Each structure stands twice: as C-alpha cells, then as structure tokens.
Amino acid sequence: MYFKELYNGKINTQQIADIVINEIEMQLQLYIDDNMQDAPNFEDLENILHQVKDANFFPIQLELHTTAADLYKNNIIENIEDAAFRNHFYN
C-alpha cells in the first residue's frame, strides 16, 4: 500500500478500496451513533464513499473539495496508516 498516493486521493486496487470503504463506513457509524447525520463531515464522508464504491476501474482518482480532502487525509487515511503501522510492528 502506497500511502503517499492514498493521501493524494489515488486508490490503486479493489483491495485498497475495500479498506478505505470499511474505514469510511466505520466513521459514518460513529456519526450515526452520536446522532450527527446532519453534520457537514457526514455528507463529505458519504460523498467520498460513493466515489469509491461507484468506481468502475482502477486506479481511482478521488475529486475532493478542501474540507472533504482534509477529512479524507486526516481521518480516513491516517487511521488506515496507523492501523497498518500497528499491525506491522505489533503482530
């Protein structure tokens, strides 16, 4: 997995897309659990999720406006990177 490409919105394979989808769905569930479905970040996450799920070919190049790009980089990809780091060194 190439995190530099992920941070730039490029998803190269279905396997990586599935990881991104899972992380986004977990984030969305947190918003739902906190009854925050009306929050702008919820809508941004849904938009990102639809872009990934609706892609018909790889690589996917996400088109994200500033807020969605920040949310994607700082929440979704950082969480995936942190999990990969922990799995690499602690498993």
PDB file of N, CA and C in Angstrom:
ATOM      1  N   MET A   1       0.854  -1.169   0.000  1.00  0.00           N
ATOM      2  CA  MET A   1       0.000   0.000   0.000  1.00  0.00           C
ATOM      3  C   MET A   1       0.898   1.230   0.000  1.00  0.00           C
ATOM      4  N   TYR A   2       0.601   2.165  -0.896  1.00  0.00           N
ATOM      5  CA  TYR A   2       1.393   3.378  -1.013  1.00  0.00           C
ATOM      6  C   TYR A   2       0.612   4.540  -0.400  1.00  0.00           C
ATOM      7  N   PHE A   3       1.020   4.944   0.790  1.00  0.00           N
ATOM      8  CA  PHE A   3       0.263   5.963   1.496  1.00  0.00           C
ATOM      9  C   PHE A   3       0.369   7.322   0.840  1.00  0.00           C
ATOM     10  N   LYS A   4       1.495   7.630   0.199  1.00  0.00           N
ATOM     11  CA  LYS A   4       1.620   8.919  -0.474  1.00  0.00           C
ATOM     12  C   LYS A   4       0.530   9.062  -1.528  1.00  0.00           C
ATOM     13  N   GLU A   5       0.288   8.010  -2.295  1.00  0.00           N
ATOM     14  CA  GLU A   5      -0.763   8.050  -3.309  1.00  0.00           C
ATOM     15  C   GLU A   5      -2.142   8.147  -2.661  1.00  0.00           C
ATOM     16  N   LEU A   6      -2.357   7.404  -1.581  1.00  0.00           N
ATOM     17  CA  LEU A   6      -3.643   7.480  -0.889  1.00  0.00           C
ATOM     18  C   LEU A   6      -3.900   8.887  -0.366  1.00  0.00           C
ATOM     19  N   TYR A   7      -2.884   9.521   0.205  1.00  0.00           N
ATOM     20  CA  TYR A   7      -3.048  10.888   0.698  1.00  0.00           C
ATOM     21  C   TYR A   7      -3.396  11.851  -0.437  1.00  0.00           C
ATOM     22  N   ASN A   8      -2.982  11.532  -1.647  1.00  0.00           N
ATOM     23  CA  ASN A   8      -3.296  12.359  -2.812  1.00  0.00           C
ATOM     24  C   ASN A   8      -4.595  11.935  -3.489  1.00  0.00           C
ATOM     25  N   GLY A   9      -5.339  11.024  -2.871  1.00  0.00           N
ATOM     26  CA  GLY A   9      -6.642  10.635  -3.393  1.00  0.00           C
ATOM     27  C   GLY A   9      -6.618   9.557  -4.456  1.00  0.00           C
ATOM     28  N   LYS A  10      -5.504   8.875  -4.605  1.00  0.00           N
ATOM     29  CA  LYS A  10      -5.401   7.827  -5.618  1.00  0.00           C
ATOM     30  C   LYS A  10      -5.490   6.460  -4.944  1.00  0.00           C
ATOM     31  N   ILE A  11      -6.436   5.642  -5.411  1.00  0.00           N
ATOM     32  CA  ILE A  11      -6.643   4.297  -4.888  1.00  0.00           C
ATOM     33  C   ILE A  11      -6.390   3.334  -6.035  1.00  0.00           C
ATOM     34  N   ASN A  12      -5.379   2.480  -5.875  1.00  0.00           N
ATOM     35  CA  ASN A  12      -4.900   1.670  -6.991  1.00  0.00           C
ATOM     36  C   ASN A  12      -5.598   0.340  -7.211  1.00  0.00           C
ATOM     37  N   THR A  13      -6.152  -0.259  -6.183  1.00  0.00           N
ATOM     38  CA  THR A  13      -6.710  -1.607  -6.337  1.00  0.00           C
ATOM     39  C   THR A  13      -8.024  -1.738  -5.578  1.00  0.00           C
ATOM     40  N   GLN A  14      -8.785  -2.775  -5.916  1.00  0.00           N
ATOM     41  CA  GLN A  14     -10.027  -3.057  -5.202  1.00  0.00           C
ATOM     42  C   GLN A  14      -9.746  -3.390  -3.750  1.00  0.00           C
ATOM     43  N   GLN A  15      -8.657  -4.085  -3.481  1.00  0.00           N
ATOM     44  CA  GLN A  15      -8.306  -4.443  -2.102  1.00  0.00           C
ATOM     45  C   GLN A  15      -8.114  -3.187  -1.251  1.00  0.00           C
ATOM     46  N   ILE A  16      -7.414  -2.205  -1.782  1.00  0.00           N
ATOM     47  CA  ILE A  16      -7.219  -0.959  -1.041  1.00  0.00           C
ATOM     48  C   ILE A  16      -8.539  -0.196  -0.946  1.00  0.00           C
ATOM     49  N   ALA A  17      -9.321  -0.210  -2.014  1.00  0.00           N
ATOM     50  CA  ALA A  17     -10.636   0.442  -1.984  1.00  0.00           C
ATOM     51  C   ALA A  17     -11.497  -0.154  -0.872  1.00  0.00           C
ATOM     52  N   ASP A  18     -11.455  -1.464  -0.714  1.00  0.00           N
ATOM     53  CA  ASP A  18     -12.239  -2.123   0.333  1.00  0.00           C
ATOM     54  C   ASP A  18     -11.816  -1.659   1.722  1.00  0.00           C
ATOM     55  N   ILE A  19     -10.527  -1.446   1.916  1.00  0.00           N
ATOM     56  CA  ILE A  19     -10.028  -0.945   3.206  1.00  0.00           C
ATOM     57  C   ILE A  19     -10.530   0.477   3.440  1.00  0.00           C
ATOM     58  N   VAL A  20     -10.470   1.298   2.403  1.00  0.00           N
ATOM     59  CA  VAL A  20     -10.948   2.677   2.512  1.00  0.00           C
ATOM     60  C   VAL A  20     -12.455   2.690   2.788  1.00  0.00           C
ATOM     61  N   ILE A  21     -13.206   1.871   2.071  1.00  0.00           N
ATOM     62  CA  ILE A  21     -14.655   1.779   2.277  1.00  0.00           C
ATOM     63  C   ILE A  21     -14.966   1.385   3.708  1.00  0.00           C
ATOM     64  N   ASN A  22     -14.278   0.386   4.213  1.00  0.00           N
ATOM     65  CA  ASN A  22     -14.506  -0.063   5.587  1.00  0.00           C
ATOM     66  C   ASN A  22     -14.245   1.056   6.585  1.00  0.00           C
ATOM     67  N   GLU A  23     -13.158   1.778   6.407  1.00  0.00           N
ATOM     68  CA  GLU A  23     -12.822   2.874   7.334  1.00  0.00           C
ATOM     69  C   GLU A  23     -13.867   3.979   7.257  1.00  0.00           C
ATOM     70  N   ILE A  24     -14.298   4.331   6.061  1.00  0.00           N
ATOM     71  CA  ILE A  24     -15.322   5.375   5.922  1.00  0.00           C
ATOM     72  C   ILE A  24     -16.624   4.922   6.580  1.00  0.00           C
ATOM     73  N   GLU A  25     -17.018   3.676   6.347  1.00  0.00           N
ATOM     74  CA  GLU A  25     -18.258   3.177   6.944  1.00  0.00           C
ATOM     75  C   GLU A  25     -18.176   3.174   8.470  1.00  0.00           C
ATOM     76  N   MET A  26     -17.015   2.874   9.023  1.00  0.00           N
ATOM     77  CA  MET A  26     -16.856   2.931  10.480  1.00  0.00           C
ATOM     78  C   MET A  26     -16.988   4.374  10.984  1.00  0.00           C
ATOM     79  N   GLN A  27     -16.407   5.324  10.251  1.00  0.00           N
ATOM     80  CA  GLN A  27     -16.519   6.739  10.636  1.00  0.00           C
ATOM     81  C   GLN A  27     -17.978   7.200  10.561  1.00  0.00           C
ATOM     82  N   LEU A  28     -18.667   6.802   9.491  1.00  0.00           N
ATOM     83  CA  LEU A  28     -20.074   7.177   9.352  1.00  0.00           C
ATOM     84  C   LEU A  28     -20.905   6.611  10.499  1.00  0.00           C
ATOM     85  N   GLN A  29     -20.609   5.391  10.903  1.00  0.00           N
ATOM     86  CA  GLN A  29     -21.343   4.782  12.006  1.00  0.00           C
ATOM     87  C   GLN A  29     -21.143   5.562  13.303  1.00  0.00           C
ATOM     88  N   LEU A  30     -19.949   6.094  13.507  1.00  0.00           N
ATOM     89  CA  LEU A  30     -19.703   6.930  14.691  1.00  0.00           C
ATOM     90  C   LEU A  30     -20.595   8.176  14.676  1.00  0.00           C
ATOM     91  N   TYR A  31     -20.733   8.791  13.507  1.00  0.00           N
ATOM     92  CA  TYR A  31     -21.619   9.950  13.392  1.00  0.00           C
ATOM     93  C   TYR A  31     -23.066   9.550  13.681  1.00  0.00           C
ATOM     94  N   ILE A  32     -23.487   8.407  13.157  1.00  0.00           N
ATOM     95  CA  ILE A  32     -24.848   7.918  13.388  1.00  0.00           C
ATOM     96  C   ILE A  32     -25.059   7.641  14.872  1.00  0.00           C
ATOM     97  N   ASP A  33     -24.098   6.987  15.490  1.00  0.00           N
ATOM     98  CA  ASP A  33     -24.203   6.679  16.917  1.00  0.00           C
ATOM     99  C   ASP A  33     -24.336   7.947  17.763  1.00  0.00           C
ATOM    100  N   ASP A  34     -23.698   9.023  17.316  1.00  0.00           N
ATOM    101  CA  ASP A  34     -23.754  10.302  18.028  1.00  0.00           C
ATOM    102  C   ASP A  34     -24.882  11.203  17.518  1.00  0.00           C
ATOM    103  N   ASN A  35     -25.746  10.648  16.657  1.00  0.00           N
ATOM    104  CA  ASN A  35     -26.879  11.380  16.092  1.00  0.00           C
ATOM    105  C   ASN A  35     -26.429  12.660  15.381  1.00  0.00           C
ATOM    106  N   MET A  36     -25.361  12.532  14.580  1.00  0.00           N
ATOM    107  CA  MET A  36     -24.785  13.680  13.887  1.00  0.00           C
ATOM    108  C   MET A  36     -24.838  13.513  12.371  1.00  0.00           C
ATOM    109  N   GLN A  37     -25.897  12.879  11.865  1.00  0.00           N
ATOM    110  CA  GLN A  37     -26.020  12.667  10.426  1.00  0.00           C
ATOM    111  C   GLN A  37     -26.177  13.968   9.644  1.00  0.00           C
ATOM    112  N   ASP A  38     -26.535  15.049  10.310  1.00  0.00           N
ATOM    113  CA  ASP A  38     -26.695  16.344   9.647  1.00  0.00           C
ATOM    114  C   ASP A  38     -25.399  17.149   9.597  1.00  0.00           C
ATOM    115  N   ALA A  39     -24.349  16.628  10.184  1.00  0.00           N
ATOM    116  CA  ALA A  39     -23.069  17.341  10.194  1.00  0.00           C
ATOM    117  C   ALA A  39     -22.474  17.382   8.786  1.00  0.00           C
ATOM    118  N   PRO A  40     -21.834  18.494   8.429  1.00  0.00           N
ATOM    119  CA  PRO A  40     -21.201  18.594   7.099  1.00  0.00           C
ATOM    120  C   PRO A  40     -20.189  17.476   6.836  1.00  0.00           C
ATOM    121  N   ASN A  41     -19.466  17.058   7.863  1.00  0.00           N
ATOM    122  CA  ASN A  41     -18.489  15.987   7.668  1.00  0.00           C
ATOM    123  C   ASN A  41     -19.158  14.676   7.280  1.00  0.00           C
ATOM    124  N   PHE A  42     -20.343  14.425   7.782  1.00  0.00           N
ATOM    125  CA  PHE A  42     -21.081  13.215   7.430  1.00  0.00           C
ATOM    126  C   PHE A  42     -21.355  13.210   5.932  1.00  0.00           C
ATOM    127  N   GLU A  43     -21.819  14.327   5.420  1.00  0.00           N
ATOM    128  CA  GLU A  43     -22.101  14.443   3.986  1.00  0.00           C
ATOM    129  C   GLU A  43     -20.820  14.277   3.161  1.00  0.00           C
ATOM    130  N   ASP A  44     -19.739  14.873   3.630  1.00  0.00           N
ATOM    131  CA  ASP A  44     -18.461  14.735   2.919  1.00  0.00           C
ATOM    132  C   ASP A  44     -18.013  13.278   2.886  1.00  0.00           C
ATOM    133  N   LEU A  45     -18.137  12.588   4.012  1.00  0.00           N
ATOM    134  CA  LEU A  45     -17.755  11.176   4.054  1.00  0.00           C
ATOM    135  C   LEU A  45     -18.628  10.336   3.130  1.00  0.00           C
ATOM    136  N   GLU A  46     -19.928  10.630   3.098  1.00  0.00           N
ATOM    137  CA  GLU A  46     -20.818   9.909   2.186  1.00  0.00           C
ATOM    138  C   GLU A  46     -20.417  10.137   0.736  1.00  0.00           C
ATOM    139  N   ASN A  47     -20.031  11.360   0.410  1.00  0.00           N
ATOM    140  CA  ASN A  47     -19.597  11.680  -0.945  1.00  0.00           C
ATOM    141  C   ASN A  47     -18.347  10.879  -1.322  1.00  0.00           C
ATOM    142  N   ILE A  48     -17.388  10.836  -0.421  1.00  0.00           N
ATOM    143  CA  ILE A  48     -16.164  10.063  -0.666  1.00  0.00           C
ATOM    144  C   ILE A  48     -16.506   8.589  -0.830  1.00  0.00           C
ATOM    145  N   LEU A  49     -17.351   8.069   0.044  1.00  0.00           N
ATOM    146  CA  LEU A  49     -17.756   6.670  -0.015  1.00  0.00           C
ATOM    147  C   LEU A  49     -18.380   6.342  -1.362  1.00  0.00           C
ATOM    148  N   HIS A  50     -19.262   7.204  -1.849  1.00  0.00           N
ATOM    149  CA  HIS A  50     -19.911   6.951  -3.140  1.00  0.00           C
ATOM    150  C   HIS A  50     -18.901   6.979  -4.287  1.00  0.00           C
ATOM    151  N   GLN A  51     -17.943   7.884  -4.223  1.00  0.00           N
ATOM    152  CA  GLN A  51     -16.923   7.924  -5.279  1.00  0.00           C
ATOM    153  C   GLN A  51     -16.149   6.608  -5.340  1.00  0.00           C
ATOM    154  N   VAL A  52     -15.802   6.080  -4.169  1.00  0.00           N
ATOM    155  CA  VAL A  52     -15.021   4.838  -4.139  1.00  0.00           C
ATOM    156  C   VAL A  52     -15.884   3.659  -4.581  1.00  0.00           C
ATOM    157  N   LYS A  53     -17.093   3.577  -4.046  1.00  0.00           N
ATOM    158  CA  LYS A  53     -17.971   2.446  -4.373  1.00  0.00           C
ATOM    159  C   LYS A  53     -18.430   2.459  -5.830  1.00  0.00           C
ATOM    160  N   ASP A  54     -18.599   3.638  -6.405  1.00  0.00           N
ATOM    161  CA  ASP A  54     -19.117   3.748  -7.767  1.00  0.00           C
ATOM    162  C   ASP A  54     -18.048   3.617  -8.847  1.00  0.00           C
ATOM    163  N   ALA A  55     -16.802   3.526  -8.451  1.00  0.00           N
ATOM    164  CA  ALA A  55     -15.713   3.435  -9.439  1.00  0.00           C
ATOM    165  C   ALA A  55     -15.803   2.123 -10.205  1.00  0.00           C
ATOM    166  N   ASN A  56     -15.596   2.212 -11.496  1.00  0.00           N
ATOM    167  CA  ASN A  56     -15.668   1.033 -12.363  1.00  0.00           C
ATOM    168  C   ASN A  56     -14.306   0.505 -12.778  1.00  0.00           C
ATOM    169  N   PHE A  57     -13.270   1.242 -12.455  1.00  0.00           N
ATOM    170  CA  PHE A  57     -11.922   0.836 -12.864  1.00  0.00           C
ATOM    171  C   PHE A  57     -10.908   1.408 -11.882  1.00  0.00           C
ATOM    172  N   PHE A  58      -9.716   0.885 -11.937  1.00  0.00           N
ATOM    173  CA  PHE A  58      -8.626   1.341 -11.080  1.00  0.00           C
ATOM    174  C   PHE A  58      -7.466   1.758 -11.944  1.00  0.00           C
ATOM    175  N   PRO A  59      -6.694   2.728 -11.490  1.00  0.00           N
ATOM    176  CA  PRO A  59      -6.793   3.427 -10.217  1.00  0.00           C
ATOM    177  C   PRO A  59      -7.953   4.421 -10.211  1.00  0.00           C
ATOM    178  N   ILE A  60      -8.443   4.692  -9.007  1.00  0.00           N
ATOM    179  CA  ILE A  60      -9.452   5.720  -8.776  1.00  0.00           C
ATOM    180  C   ILE A  60      -8.702   6.986  -8.382  1.00  0.00           C
ATOM    181  N   GLN A  61      -9.092   8.099  -8.958  1.00  0.00           N
ATOM    182  CA  GLN A  61      -8.579   9.388  -8.517  1.00  0.00           C
ATOM    183  C   GLN A  61      -9.753  10.165  -7.947  1.00  0.00           C
ATOM    184  N   LEU A  62      -9.788  10.285  -6.625  1.00  0.00           N
ATOM    185  CA  LEU A  62     -10.881  10.985  -5.973  1.00  0.00           C
ATOM    186  C   LEU A  62     -10.816  12.476  -6.276  1.00  0.00           C
ATOM    187  N   GLU A  63     -11.987  13.065  -6.447  1.00  0.00           N
ATOM    188  CA  GLU A  63     -12.088  14.509  -6.616  1.00  0.00           C
ATOM    189  C   GLU A  63     -12.744  15.056  -5.362  1.00  0.00           C
ATOM    190  N   LEU A  64     -11.936  15.734  -4.546  1.00  0.00           N
ATOM    191  CA  LEU A  64     -12.395  16.181  -3.236  1.00  0.00           C
ATOM    192  C   LEU A  64     -12.194  17.672  -3.079  1.00  0.00           C
ATOM    193  N   HIS A  65     -13.233  18.366  -2.578  1.00  0.00           N
ATOM    194  CA  HIS A  65     -13.053  19.775  -2.257  1.00  0.00           C
ATOM    195  C   HIS A  65     -12.263  19.871  -0.951  1.00  0.00           C
ATOM    196  N   THR A  66     -11.896  21.043  -0.568  1.00  0.00           N
ATOM    197  CA  THR A  66     -10.952  21.258   0.535  1.00  0.00           C
ATOM    198  C   THR A  66     -11.348  20.555   1.824  1.00  0.00           C
ATOM    199  N   THR A  67     -12.574  20.725   2.275  1.00  0.00           N
ATOM    200  CA  THR A  67     -12.994  20.133   3.544  1.00  0.00           C
ATOM    201  C   THR A  67     -13.001  18.613   3.459  1.00  0.00           C
ATOM    202  N   ALA A  68     -13.537  18.077   2.369  1.00  0.00           N
ATOM    203  CA  ALA A  68     -13.572  16.622   2.190  1.00  0.00           C
ATOM    204  C   ALA A  68     -12.154  16.069   2.074  1.00  0.00           C
ATOM    205  N   ALA A  69     -11.281  16.778   1.390  1.00  0.00           N
ATOM    206  CA  ALA A  69      -9.893  16.325   1.246  1.00  0.00           C
ATOM    207  C   ALA A  69      -9.212  16.265   2.610  1.00  0.00           C
ATOM    208  N   ASP A  70      -9.436  17.278   3.431  1.00  0.00           N
ATOM    209  CA  ASP A  70      -8.845  17.282   4.776  1.00  0.00           C
ATOM    210  C   ASP A  70      -9.386  16.134   5.614  1.00  0.00           C
ATOM    211  N   LEU A  71     -10.677  15.923   5.554  1.00  0.00           N
ATOM    212  CA  LEU A  71     -11.306  14.837   6.300  1.00  0.00           C
ATOM    213  C   LEU A  71     -10.774  13.486   5.840  1.00  0.00           C
ATOM    214  N   TYR A  72     -10.674  13.314   4.522  1.00  0.00           N
ATOM    215  CA  TYR A  72     -10.153  12.076   3.941  1.00  0.00           C
ATOM    216  C   TYR A  72      -8.712  11.823   4.402  1.00  0.00           C
ATOM    217  N   LYS A  73      -7.876  12.826   4.299  1.00  0.00           N
ATOM    218  CA  LYS A  73      -6.467  12.665   4.663  1.00  0.00           C
ATOM    219  C   LYS A  73      -6.268  12.501   6.165  1.00  0.00           C
ATOM    220  N   ASN A  74      -6.890  13.402   6.931  1.00  0.00           N
ATOM    221  CA  ASN A  74      -6.618  13.467   8.364  1.00  0.00           C
ATOM    222  C   ASN A  74      -7.380  12.445   9.194  1.00  0.00           C
ATOM    223  N   ASN A  75      -8.444  11.908   8.670  1.00  0.00           N
ATOM    224  CA  ASN A  75      -9.191  10.899   9.422  1.00  0.00           C
ATOM    225  C   ASN A  75      -9.062   9.520   8.783  1.00  0.00           C
ATOM    226  N   ILE A  76      -9.476   9.416   7.549  1.00  0.00           N
ATOM    227  CA  ILE A  76      -9.562   8.105   6.914  1.00  0.00           C
ATOM    228  C   ILE A  76      -8.178   7.513   6.671  1.00  0.00           C
ATOM    229  N   ILE A  77      -7.343   8.213   5.931  1.00  0.00           N
ATOM    230  CA  ILE A  77      -6.035   7.643   5.557  1.00  0.00           C
ATOM    231  C   ILE A  77      -5.110   7.561   6.764  1.00  0.00           C
ATOM    232  N   GLU A  78      -5.134   8.554   7.639  1.00  0.00           N
ATOM    233  CA  GLU A  78      -4.291   8.457   8.843  1.00  0.00           C
ATOM    234  C   GLU A  78      -4.683   7.268   9.703  1.00  0.00           C
ATOM    235  N   ASN A  79      -5.977   6.993   9.833  1.00  0.00           N
ATOM    236  CA  ASN A  79      -6.410   5.823  10.598  1.00  0.00           C
ATOM    237  C   ASN A  79      -5.928   4.527   9.951  1.00  0.00           C
ATOM    238  N   ILE A  80      -6.018   4.455   8.638  1.00  0.00           N
ATOM    239  CA  ILE A  80      -5.553   3.257   7.923  1.00  0.00           C
ATOM    240  C   ILE A  80      -4.040   3.102   8.084  1.00  0.00           C
ATOM    241  N   GLU A  81      -3.323   4.213   7.958  1.00  0.00           N
ATOM    242  CA  GLU A  81      -1.862   4.174   8.109  1.00  0.00           C
ATOM    243  C   GLU A  81      -1.468   3.759   9.522  1.00  0.00           C
ATOM    244  N   ASP A  82      -2.153   4.305  10.514  1.00  0.00           N
ATOM    245  CA  ASP A  82      -1.868   3.937  11.908  1.00  0.00           C
ATOM    246  C   ASP A  82      -2.113   2.451  12.147  1.00  0.00           C
ATOM    247  N   ALA A  83      -3.209   1.929  11.606  1.00  0.00           N
ATOM    248  CA  ALA A  83      -3.522   0.502  11.762  1.00  0.00           C
ATOM    249  C   ALA A  83      -2.470  -0.360  11.078  1.00  0.00           C
ATOM    250  N   ALA A  84      -2.032   0.046   9.898  1.00  0.00           N
ATOM    251  CA  ALA A  84      -1.001  -0.714   9.181  1.00  0.00           C
ATOM    252  C   ALA A  84       0.304  -0.709   9.970  1.00  0.00           C
ATOM    253  N   PHE A  85       0.649   0.424  10.551  1.00  0.00           N
ATOM    254  CA  PHE A  85       1.860   0.538  11.358  1.00  0.00           C
ATOM    255  C   PHE A  85       1.773  -0.389  12.566  1.00  0.00           C
ATOM    256  N   ARG A  86       0.640  -0.323  13.279  1.00  0.00           N
ATOM    257  CA  ARG A  86       0.467  -1.186  14.458  1.00  0.00           C
ATOM    258  C   ARG A  86       0.520  -2.661  14.073  1.00  0.00           C
ATOM    259  N   ASN A  87      -0.139  -3.017  12.982  1.00  0.00           N
ATOM    260  CA  ASN A  87      -0.143  -4.411  12.550  1.00  0.00           C
ATOM    261  C   ASN A  87       1.263  -4.890  12.169  1.00  0.00           C
ATOM    262  N   HIS A  88       2.018  -4.010  11.560  1.00  0.00           N
ATOM    263  CA  HIS A  88       3.372  -4.371  11.124  1.00  0.00           C
ATOM    264  C   HIS A  88       4.303  -4.605  12.322  1.00  0.00           C
ATOM    265  N   PHE A  89       4.226  -3.720  13.304  1.00  0.00           N
ATOM    266  CA  PHE A  89       5.174  -3.784  14.415  1.00  0.00           C
ATOM    267  C   PHE A  89       4.699  -4.568  15.627  1.00  0.00           C
ATOM    268  N   TYR A  90       3.396  -4.747  15.761  1.00  0.00           N
ATOM    269  CA  TYR A  90       2.894  -5.381  16.982  1.00  0.00           C
ATOM    270  C   TYR A  90       2.226  -6.730  16.760  1.00  0.00           C
ATOM    271  N   ASN A  91       2.217  -7.204  15.537  1.00  0.00           N
ATOM    272  CA  ASN A  91       1.640  -8.534  15.286  1.00  0.00           C
ATOM    273  C   ASN A  91       2.689  -9.501  14.814  1.00  0.00           C
TER     274      ASN A  91
END
